């Protein structure tokens, strides 16, 4: 079904959980953003969380 009423950035995650707690939530290896305009996927952006500040707290 064509969902032409949707214009949004949908964020999901990939990989294993790196760290997290009830305050910051869970930080995954990568965040994936799906940019949708008028029901059409325009762009997929994948960002690594390898340098996320919570990782420094674990060391």
Protein backbone atom coordinates (compact mmCIF):
# COMPACT_ATOMS: atom_id res chain seq x y z
CA UNK A 1 0.00 0.00 0.00
CA UNK A 2 1.34 3.43 -0.91
CA UNK A 3 1.44 5.60 2.22
CA UNK A 4 1.49 9.10 0.73
CA UNK A 5 0.38 10.65 4.03
CA UNK A 6 3.73 9.84 5.69
CA UNK A 7 6.54 12.40 5.77
CA UNK A 8 8.93 11.59 8.58
CA UNK A 9 12.35 10.45 9.69
CA UNK A 10 12.05 6.96 11.13
CA UNK A 11 14.92 5.84 13.34
CA UNK A 12 15.83 2.22 14.00
CA UNK A 13 18.92 0.42 15.22
CA UNK A 14 21.32 -2.29 14.02
CA UNK A 15 23.88 -4.47 15.73
CA UNK A 16 24.30 -5.36 19.34
CA UNK A 17 23.62 -3.20 22.38
CA UNK A 18 26.79 -1.36 23.42
CA UNK A 19 25.65 0.18 26.68
CA UNK A 20 22.69 1.81 28.31
CA UNK A 21 20.61 2.36 31.38
CA UNK A 22 17.22 3.74 32.36
CA UNK A 23 18.46 7.33 31.96
CA UNK A 24 20.04 7.27 28.46
CA UNK A 25 18.26 4.23 27.09
CA UNK A 26 20.11 1.60 25.07
CA UNK A 27 22.88 2.60 22.67
CA UNK A 28 23.20 0.20 19.72
CA UNK A 29 26.16 -0.27 17.36
CA UNK A 30 24.50 1.75 14.60
CA UNK A 31 21.49 4.05 14.23
CA UNK A 32 19.65 3.93 10.92
CA UNK A 33 17.42 6.82 9.83
CA UNK A 34 14.91 6.33 7.01
CA UNK A 35 13.92 9.67 5.50
CA UNK A 36 10.44 9.43 3.99
CA UNK A 37 8.75 12.19 2.01
CA UNK A 38 5.14 11.85 0.91
CA UNK A 39 5.36 8.07 1.26
CA UNK A 40 8.59 7.69 -0.74
CA UNK A 41 11.86 6.57 0.84
CA UNK A 42 14.31 9.32 -0.11
CA UNK A 43 17.41 8.45 1.90
CA UNK A 44 18.84 5.90 4.32
CA UNK A 45 21.47 7.24 6.73
CA UNK A 46 23.45 4.81 8.90
CA UNK A 47 25.59 6.23 11.73
CA UNK A 48 28.06 4.32 13.91
CA UNK A 49 27.85 4.78 17.67
CA UNK A 50 31.42 3.51 18.21
CA UNK A 51 32.40 6.86 19.76
CA UNK A 52 29.28 7.38 21.85
CA UNK A 53 30.08 9.00 25.26
CA UNK A 54 28.49 6.16 27.23
CA UNK A 55 31.25 3.81 26.05
CA UNK A 56 33.84 5.89 27.92
CA UNK A 57 31.89 5.33 31.15
CA UNK A 58 32.22 1.56 30.80
CA UNK A 59 36.03 1.59 30.79
